């Protein structure tokens, strides 16, 4: 098998099943964990029971306010003939009532965001030659908080104090209230796995979150690892995913356990609970290297072998028809 064929198969596997994963995973004050699998929103209760709480919604992000109200959207494509998108925003109240906060409309959400601080202020980026970062206060006033020239601003996160973090391609920045954007860590992506080598640069770095001490964490999808960025800019690997899974988002519970949202190459979603004692452990390096490097290659070779076999069978059938 040629290297070109391996690349073609890898790209086909990646882009047929993994276009745009979700990052939404949040918790409420009662210890419930909520996450999106792009088809519905699930709840994991403190006793481990799982159930769908919002059905038939395609939402990438979630937000939980201080009153345990959960927010998300439903985004859909209207088909190639119209080639348009539609959306609405919903709220699952703490009492279980589901209502609509943004009525169905064409296009994407405008001045409405799931990136919010503890007070409920919203934040988003308007991406032009100069990217402008906007804030919508709880009173509905929209103001510009910062601007600058960036490569490709993607996922954003606001901590409880209104510090906004954002991914610019492979770099992590922050905007403190009243200050210009500051570089936190440069090129924190990892592309060491076969999966990482073919990952779209927009998805190499995914969800951002913090812990009680406001340490910063980034889901490094391409490297199948969660990275912690210290106040000194030092980047450390603290949790690992194994093929075919990669991290896209996370949230810490009150005990410091990490609930990690992962998506697979077939766009399935799962959540793993990683205890405080497990976080940061190097683990079985040989096993992790096998899972992250050798296993994907074996899977690719297996798919390639089946593909070659099917091509050979098709050629034999075609040859037999011609000889008849």
Protein backbone atom coordinates (compact mmCIF):
# COMPACT_ATOMS: atom_id res chain seq x y z
CA UNK A 1 0.00 0.00 0.00
CA UNK A 2 1.32 3.44 -0.89
CA UNK A 3 1.52 6.33 1.52
CA UNK A 4 -0.90 8.22 -0.75
CA UNK A 5 -3.53 5.48 -0.39
CA UNK A 6 -3.16 5.51 3.39
CA UNK A 7 -3.68 9.28 3.42
CA UNK A 8 -6.76 9.03 1.21
CA UNK A 9 -8.32 6.40 3.48
CA UNK A 10 -7.46 8.41 6.60
CA UNK A 11 -9.03 11.55 5.17
CA UNK A 12 -12.13 9.63 4.10
CA UNK A 13 -12.55 8.12 7.57
CA UNK A 14 -12.07 11.48 9.24
CA UNK A 15 -14.29 13.67 7.13
CA UNK A 16 -17.20 11.30 6.58
CA UNK A 17 -17.88 10.91 10.28
CA UNK A 18 -16.23 13.83 12.02
CA UNK A 19 -17.19 17.23 10.69
CA UNK A 20 -17.85 19.44 13.69
CA UNK A 21 -18.03 17.91 17.17
CA UNK A 22 -19.80 19.46 20.14
CA UNK A 23 -18.05 20.96 23.17
CA UNK A 24 -21.07 21.45 25.44
CA UNK A 25 -20.75 19.90 28.90
CA UNK A 26 -21.84 21.70 32.09
CA UNK A 27 -22.96 20.97 35.66
CA UNK A 28 -25.67 22.32 37.96
CA UNK A 29 -25.63 23.01 41.68
CA UNK A 30 -27.07 19.56 42.47
CA UNK A 31 -24.19 17.67 40.86
CA UNK A 32 -25.96 16.76 37.62
CA UNK A 33 -23.80 16.72 34.47
CA UNK A 34 -25.35 17.78 31.15
CA UNK A 35 -23.80 17.21 27.71
CA UNK A 36 -24.65 17.26 24.01
CA UNK A 37 -24.14 14.46 21.49
CA UNK A 38 -25.40 16.72 18.64
CA UNK A 39 -28.72 14.84 18.55
CA UNK A 40 -30.00 15.50 22.05
CA UNK A 41 -28.87 16.68 25.47
CA UNK A 42 -28.21 14.12 28.21
CA UNK A 43 -28.15 14.36 31.99
CA UNK A 44 -25.95 12.23 34.21
CA UNK A 45 -27.38 12.23 37.73
CA UNK A 46 -25.16 11.98 40.83
CA UNK A 47 -26.12 8.28 41.11
CA UNK A 48 -24.83 7.68 37.56
CA UNK A 49 -28.22 7.32 35.85
CA UNK A 50 -28.40 8.85 32.38
CA UNK A 51 -31.44 10.21 30.60
CA UNK A 52 -32.28 12.50 27.69
CA UNK A 53 -33.55 15.85 28.96
CA UNK A 54 -33.80 17.77 25.66
CA UNK A 55 -34.58 15.63 22.63
CA UNK A 56 -34.00 16.34 18.94
CA UNK A 57 -31.67 19.33 19.24
CA UNK A 58 -28.40 19.89 17.40
CA UNK A 59 -26.42 22.11 19.75
CA UNK A 60 -22.64 22.43 19.98
CA UNK A 61 -22.55 24.53 23.13
CA UNK A 62 -24.38 24.61 26.45
CA UNK A 63 -24.59 27.15 29.25
CA UNK A 64 -25.83 26.67 32.83
CA UNK A 65 -26.72 29.82 34.77
CA UNK A 66 -26.51 30.31 38.52
CA UNK A 67 -30.18 29.32 38.89
CA UNK A 68 -29.65 25.91 37.22
CA UNK A 69 -31.34 26.94 33.97
CA UNK A 70 -29.75 25.21 30.97
CA UNK A 71 -29.41 26.97 27.60
CA UNK A 72 -28.65 25.62 24.12
CA UNK A 73 -29.73 25.90 20.51
CA UNK A 74 -31.05 23.80 17.66
CA UNK A 75 -29.27 24.32 14.36
CA UNK A 76 -30.33 22.68 11.10
CA UNK A 77 -29.57 22.72 7.37
CA UNK A 78 -32.43 23.26 4.94
CA UNK A 79 -30.95 21.16 2.13
CA UNK A 80 -28.89 21.85 -0.98
CA UNK A 81 -31.85 23.29 -2.90
CA UNK A 82 -32.30 26.16 -0.45
CA UNK A 83 -28.73 26.02 0.89
CA UNK A 84 -29.73 27.85 4.06
CA UNK A 85 -29.53 27.23 7.78
CA UNK A 86 -32.10 27.68 10.52
CA UNK A 87 -31.90 27.98 14.29
CA UNK A 88 -33.65 28.65 17.54
CA UNK A 89 -32.44 28.91 21.14
CA UNK A 90 -34.03 27.02 24.02
CA UNK A 91 -33.95 26.99 27.81
CA UNK A 92 -34.52 24.04 30.12
CA UNK A 93 -35.59 25.58 33.39
CA UNK A 94 -34.55 24.13 36.73
CA UNK A 95 -38.15 22.92 37.25
CA UNK A 96 -37.95 20.87 34.04
CA UNK A 97 -39.99 23.18 31.83
CA UNK A 98 -38.60 23.61 28.29
CA UNK A 99 -39.24 26.89 26.51
CA UNK A 100 -37.92 28.90 23.57
CA UNK A 101 -35.87 32.06 24.14
CA UNK A 102 -35.03 32.81 20.49
CA UNK A 103 -37.76 31.95 17.98
CA UNK A 104 -36.94 29.88 14.86
CA UNK A 105 -35.23 31.99 12.21
CA UNK A 106 -33.07 31.62 9.13
CA UNK A 107 -29.30 31.74 9.42
CA UNK A 108 -27.19 31.52 12.57
CA UNK A 109 -27.50 33.10 16.01
CA UNK A 110 -26.57 36.78 15.90
CA UNK A 111 -26.15 38.86 19.04
CA UNK A 112 -26.77 35.88 21.28
CA UNK A 113 -24.15 33.60 22.79
CA UNK A 114 -23.64 30.68 25.17
CA UNK A 115 -20.29 32.11 26.26
CA UNK A 116 -21.29 33.87 29.49
CA UNK A 117 -19.88 34.86 32.85
CA UNK A 118 -21.49 34.25 36.24
CA UNK A 119 -23.51 37.46 35.97
CA UNK A 120 -25.04 36.33 32.67
CA UNK A 121 -23.18 38.71 30.32
CA UNK A 122 -22.70 37.23 26.83
CA UNK A 123 -19.52 37.34 24.73
CA UNK A 124 -18.79 36.62 21.07
CA UNK A 125 -16.38 37.52 18.27
CA UNK A 126 -17.20 39.25 15.01
CA UNK A 127 -14.65 37.92 12.55
CA UNK A 128 -13.54 40.39 9.91
CA UNK A 129 -10.10 41.63 8.82
CA UNK A 130 -10.06 43.08 12.32
CA UNK A 131 -11.80 40.77 14.83
CA UNK A 132 -14.02 42.60 17.30
CA UNK A 133 -15.01 41.04 20.60
CA UNK A 134 -18.48 41.96 21.83
CA UNK A 135 -20.23 41.85 25.18
CA UNK A 136 -23.98 41.95 25.74
CA UNK A 137 -24.90 42.91 29.27
CA UNK A 138 -27.85 41.51 31.18
CA UNK A 139 -29.62 44.83 30.43
CA UNK A 140 -29.24 44.18 26.69
CA UNK A 141 -26.53 46.75 26.00
CA UNK A 142 -23.92 45.67 23.42
CA UNK A 143 -20.39 47.00 23.79
CA UNK A 144 -17.00 46.27 22.23
CA UNK A 145 -14.47 44.98 24.76
CA UNK A 146 -11.44 44.43 22.49
CA UNK A 147 -10.29 44.09 18.91
CA UNK A 148 -7.26 42.99 16.93
CA UNK A 149 -5.95 41.13 13.91
CA UNK A 150 -5.98 37.37 14.42
CA UNK A 151 -5.58 34.29 12.25
CA UNK A 152 -8.80 32.37 12.94
CA UNK A 153 -10.68 32.96 16.18
CA UNK A 154 -12.71 29.89 17.13
CA UNK A 155 -14.01 28.62 20.50
CA UNK A 156 -14.41 31.03 23.40
CA UNK A 157 -14.97 30.76 27.15
CA UNK A 158 -15.73 33.27 29.90
CA UNK A 159 -14.86 32.55 33.51
CA UNK A 160 -16.96 33.67 36.46
CA UNK A 161 -15.07 36.98 36.71
CA UNK A 162 -15.61 37.97 33.10
CA UNK A 163 -12.16 37.03 31.80
CA UNK A 164 -12.64 35.81 28.23
CA UNK A 165 -10.42 33.12 26.74
CA UNK A 166 -10.38 32.27 23.05
CA UNK A 167 -8.63 29.98 20.59
CA UNK A 168 -6.92 31.67 17.66
CA UNK A 169 -6.04 28.74 15.39
CA UNK A 170 -3.45 27.00 17.60
CA UNK A 171 -2.88 29.72 20.22
CA UNK A 172 -4.73 30.58 23.43
CA UNK A 173 -5.49 34.22 24.31
CA UNK A 174 -7.32 35.98 27.11
CA UNK A 175 -9.13 39.30 27.46
CA UNK A 176 -9.22 40.71 30.97
CA UNK A 177 -11.81 43.42 31.65
CA UNK A 178 -10.52 46.74 30.34
CA UNK A 179 -7.42 45.24 28.70
CA UNK A 180 -6.30 44.24 25.21
CA UNK A 181 -6.07 40.56 24.20
CA UNK A 182 -3.01 38.83 25.68
CA UNK A 183 -1.30 35.66 24.48
CA UNK A 184 -1.52 32.95 27.16
CA UNK A 185 0.16 30.05 25.36
CA UNK A 186 1.44 29.69 21.82
CA UNK A 187 0.93 26.64 19.57
CA UNK A 188 -0.48 24.31 22.21
CA UNK A 189 -1.82 21.80 19.69
CA UNK A 190 -0.40 18.31 19.32
CA UNK A 191 -0.39 16.53 15.99
CA UNK A 192 1.54 13.45 16.98
CA UNK A 193 -1.24 10.92 16.31
CA UNK A 194 -2.46 9.75 12.94
CA UNK A 195 -5.77 11.38 13.83
CA UNK A 196 -4.02 14.64 14.58
CA UNK A 197 -2.14 14.67 11.30
CA UNK A 198 -5.37 14.93 9.30
CA UNK A 199 -7.43 17.04 11.68
CA UNK A 200 -8.77 20.31 10.33
CA UNK A 201 -6.88 23.12 12.08
CA UNK A 202 -10.22 24.54 13.26
CA UNK A 203 -10.75 21.42 15.37
CA UNK A 204 -7.27 20.83 16.73
CA UNK A 205 -8.15 22.83 19.85
CA UNK A 206 -11.72 22.62 21.12
CA UNK A 207 -13.42 23.41 24.44
CA UNK A 208 -11.94 25.65 27.16
CA UNK A 209 -12.84 25.48 30.86
CA UNK A 210 -11.47 26.31 34.30
CA UNK A 211 -11.41 24.79 37.79
CA UNK A 212 -12.15 26.38 41.17
CA UNK A 213 -8.70 27.99 41.21
CA UNK A 214 -9.32 29.40 37.69
CA UNK A 215 -6.60 27.24 36.13
CA UNK A 216 -7.18 26.95 32.38
CA UNK A 217 -7.81 23.71 30.50
CA UNK A 218 -8.06 23.10 26.76
CA UNK A 219 -9.32 20.01 24.95
CA UNK A 220 -6.60 19.25 22.41
CA UNK A 221 -8.58 17.12 20.00
CA UNK A 222 -5.78 16.47 17.52
CA UNK A 223 -3.43 15.24 20.24
CA UNK A 224 -6.11 13.23 22.09
CA UNK A 225 -5.13 14.99 25.30
CA UNK A 226 -6.34 17.62 27.80
CA UNK A 227 -3.85 20.37 28.52
CA UNK A 228 -3.57 22.57 31.58
CA UNK A 229 -2.03 26.01 31.15
CA UNK A 230 -0.48 27.48 34.26
CA UNK A 231 -0.26 31.17 35.17
CA UNK A 232 3.36 31.07 33.97
CA UNK A 233 2.30 29.78 30.54
CA UNK A 234 3.65 26.28 31.16
CA UNK A 235 1.53 23.65 29.37
CA UNK A 236 1.02 20.24 31.01
CA UNK A 237 -0.83 17.15 29.81
CA UNK A 238 -3.28 16.00 32.49
CA UNK A 239 -5.69 13.54 30.80
CA UNK A 240 -5.53 11.33 27.75
CA UNK A 241 -8.07 9.84 25.35
CA UNK A 242 -7.58 6.62 23.43
CA UNK A 243 -8.47 5.87 19.82
CA UNK A 244 -11.06 6.33 18.39
CA UNK A 245 -11.92 8.99 21.02
CA UNK A 246 -10.67 12.55 21.44
CA UNK A 247 -11.55 15.22 24.04
CA UNK A 248 -13.75 18.16 23.05
CA UNK A 249 -14.86 19.65 26.38
CA UNK A 250 -14.83 19.18 30.12
CA UNK A 251 -16.14 20.32 33.48
CA UNK A 252 -14.98 19.78 37.06
CA UNK A 253 -17.41 18.72 39.78
CA UNK A 254 -17.35 19.95 43.37
CA UNK A 255 -14.92 17.19 44.39
CA UNK A 256 -12.43 18.07 41.67
CA UNK A 257 -13.21 15.13 39.38
CA UNK A 258 -13.04 15.88 35.67
CA UNK A 259 -16.02 14.94 33.52
CA UNK A 260 -14.53 14.71 30.04
CA UNK A 261 -16.63 14.93 26.88
CA UNK A 262 -15.14 12.89 24.03
CA UNK A 263 -16.14 12.39 20.39
CA UNK A 264 -15.12 9.52 18.14
CA UNK A 265 -14.15 9.46 14.48
CA UNK A 266 -17.72 8.31 13.75
CA UNK A 267 -19.14 11.35 15.59
CA UNK A 268 -20.40 9.39 18.60
CA UNK A 269 -20.14 11.07 22.00
CA UNK A 270 -19.39 9.82 25.48
CA UNK A 271 -18.50 11.25 28.90
CA UNK A 272 -15.81 9.84 31.19
CA UNK A 273 -15.33 10.67 34.85
CA UNK A 274 -11.63 11.06 35.70
CA UNK A 275 -10.92 11.18 39.42
CA UNK A 276 -8.59 13.65 41.06
CA UNK A 277 -6.11 10.85 41.77
CA UNK A 278 -6.02 9.88 38.09
CA UNK A 279 -5.50 13.40 36.75
CA UNK A 280 -1.95 14.12 35.72
CA UNK A 281 -0.73 10.55 36.04
CA UNK A 282 1.62 9.48 33.29
CA UNK A 283 -0.08 6.09 33.17
CA UNK A 284 0.99 3.14 31.08
CA UNK A 285 3.04 4.86 28.39
CA UNK A 286 3.39 1.76 26.24
CA UNK A 287 -0.36 1.16 26.25
CA UNK A 288 -1.14 4.79 25.48
CA UNK A 289 1.34 4.83 22.62
CA UNK A 290 -0.27 1.68 21.27
CA UNK A 291 -3.76 3.17 21.50
CA UNK A 292 -2.74 6.52 20.01
CA UNK A 293 -0.30 5.41 17.33
CA UNK A 294 -0.23 1.67 16.57
CA UNK A 295 -3.95 0.92 16.86
CA UNK A 296 -5.02 3.62 14.35
CA UNK A 297 -2.47 2.29 11.87
CA UNK A 298 -3.80 -1.26 12.28
CA UNK A 299 -7.34 0.00 11.74
CA UNK A 300 -6.27 1.88 8.61
CA UNK A 301 -4.40 -1.12 7.24
CA UNK A 302 -7.46 -3.29 7.91
CA UNK A 303 -9.76 -0.89 6.07
CA UNK A 304 -7.25 -0.62 3.23
CA UNK A 305 -7.02 -4.40 2.93
CA UNK A 306 -10.80 -4.72 2.71
CA UNK A 307 -10.91 -1.87 0.15
CA UNK A 308 -8.27 -3.51 -2.03
CA UNK A 309 -10.09 -6.85 -1.76
CA UNK A 310 -13.40 -5.29 -2.83
CA UNK A 311 -11.72 -3.52 -5.75
CA UNK A 312 -10.19 -6.84 -6.81
CA UNK A 313 -13.54 -8.62 -6.62
CA UNK A 314 -15.20 -5.85 -8.65
CA UNK A 315 -12.46 -6.13 -11.28
CA UNK A 316 -12.91 -9.90 -11.51
CA UNK A 317 -16.69 -9.51 -11.90
CA UNK A 318 -16.20 -6.90 -14.62
CA UNK A 319 -13.69 -9.14 -16.37
CA UNK A 320 -16.07 -12.09 -16.20
CA UNK A 321 -18.91 -10.03 -17.72
CA UNK A 322 -16.71 -8.94 -20.58
CA UNK A 323 -15.70 -12.53 -21.36
CA UNK A 324 -19.33 -13.71 -21.53
